[in-house]
Amino acid sequence: MTYGRGPATKARGAAAGWRAGATQRIKGPMTDRDVYLKLCAVAEELARLAEAAESVVGNAALTSAADTLSGTARVIYEHCLGGDADGIH
């Protein structure tokens, strides 16, 4: 592992920022739209972290996680627009 400047340092810094944002309190109930938007945001952050990963394994793990969350968000979006008469709540 390399310390100092470079992709590994950027990844650690980005991960620390993501952890801090992930612990924010949610006020009130989360709507389907809120869940969709949160999943999209987390998937995008994981994709950015994958670009900064210092190993192929780290990149693959983060890319896989981003793809999974993105797919989950897509299912929620399709459910809200296609299967629910009220749309995204």
Protein backbone atom coordinates (compact mmCIF):
# COMPACT_ATOMS: atom_id res chain seq x y z
CA MET A 1 0.00 0.00 0.00
CA THR A 2 1.33 3.42 -0.92
CA TYR A 3 0.98 6.38 1.41
CA GLY A 4 1.12 10.02 0.46
CA ARG A 5 -0.25 11.32 -2.79
CA GLY A 6 -1.91 9.31 -5.48
CA PRO A 7 -4.97 7.16 -6.11
CA ALA A 8 -4.78 5.24 -2.82
CA THR A 9 -4.80 8.44 -0.78
CA LYS A 10 -7.67 9.83 -2.84
CA ALA A 11 -9.65 6.61 -2.32
CA ARG A 12 -9.14 6.71 1.45
CA GLY A 13 -10.19 10.36 1.56
CA ALA A 14 -13.27 9.72 -0.57
CA ALA A 15 -14.22 6.71 1.53
CA ALA A 16 -13.95 8.74 4.73
CA GLY A 17 -16.22 11.40 3.22
CA TRP A 18 -18.75 8.78 2.16
CA ARG A 19 -18.83 7.23 5.63
CA ALA A 20 -19.48 10.62 7.20
CA GLY A 21 -22.35 11.30 4.79
CA ALA A 22 -23.83 7.84 5.23
CA THR A 23 -24.45 8.38 8.94
CA GLN A 24 -26.68 11.42 8.56
CA ARG A 25 -30.04 11.15 10.28
CA ILE A 26 -33.09 10.87 8.08
CA LYS A 27 -36.01 13.02 9.15
CA GLY A 28 -39.38 11.44 8.58
CA PRO A 29 -40.23 8.39 6.47
CA MET A 30 -38.25 7.69 3.33
CA THR A 31 -40.37 7.67 0.23
CA ASP A 32 -39.70 5.38 -2.74
CA ARG A 33 -38.21 8.40 -4.50
CA ASP A 34 -35.88 9.07 -1.55
CA VAL A 35 -34.70 5.45 -1.60
CA TYR A 36 -34.14 5.61 -5.36
CA LEU A 37 -32.15 8.85 -5.11
CA LYS A 38 -30.03 7.58 -2.19
CA LEU A 39 -29.20 4.33 -3.97
CA CYS A 40 -28.20 6.27 -7.09
CA ALA A 41 -25.97 8.59 -5.06
CA VAL A 42 -24.25 5.73 -3.25
CA ALA A 43 -23.78 3.80 -6.52
CA GLU A 44 -22.17 6.86 -8.13
CA GLU A 45 -19.84 7.31 -5.14
CA LEU A 46 -18.80 3.63 -5.28
CA ALA A 47 -18.09 4.00 -9.00
CA ARG A 48 -15.85 7.01 -8.26
CA LEU A 49 -14.05 5.05 -5.55
CA ALA A 50 -13.54 2.16 -8.00
CA GLU A 51 -11.65 4.50 -10.32
CA ALA A 52 -9.25 5.36 -7.48
CA ALA A 53 -8.79 1.76 -6.24
CA GLU A 54 -5.15 0.74 -6.19
CA SER A 55 -5.76 -2.92 -7.05
CA VAL A 56 -7.77 -4.86 -9.59
CA VAL A 57 -9.53 -6.69 -6.75
CA GLY A 58 -10.55 -3.42 -5.05
CA ASN A 59 -11.72 -2.00 -8.36
CA ALA A 60 -13.76 -5.11 -9.13
CA ALA A 61 -15.36 -5.17 -5.67
CA LEU A 62 -16.35 -1.51 -5.81
CA THR A 63 -17.57 -1.77 -9.40
CA SER A 64 -19.65 -4.82 -8.54
CA ALA A 65 -21.19 -3.07 -5.52
CA ALA A 66 -21.95 0.03 -7.62
CA ASP A 67 -23.59 -2.12 -10.32
CA THR A 68 -25.69 -3.96 -7.73
CA LEU A 69 -26.97 -0.74 -6.15
CA SER A 70 -27.58 0.82 -9.54
CA GLY A 71 -29.64 -2.22 -10.57
CA THR A 72 -31.61 -2.07 -7.34
CA ALA A 73 -32.33 1.62 -7.92
CA ARG A 74 -33.47 0.83 -11.47
CA VAL A 75 -35.93 -1.79 -10.16
CA ILE A 76 -37.38 0.71 -7.68
CA TYR A 77 -37.71 3.29 -10.45
CA GLU A 78 -39.45 0.83 -12.78
CA HIS A 79 -41.76 -0.34 -9.99
CA CYS A 80 -42.77 3.20 -9.12
CA LEU A 81 -43.43 4.23 -12.70
CA GLY A 82 -44.82 0.99 -14.08
CA GLY A 83 -46.50 -0.96 -11.30
CA ASP A 84 -47.78 1.72 -8.96
CA ALA A 85 -50.59 4.05 -10.03
CA ASP A 86 -49.29 6.77 -7.69
CA GLY A 87 -45.82 6.83 -9.28
CA ILE A 88 -42.83 7.61 -7.13
CA HIS A 89 -44.01 8.42 -3.61
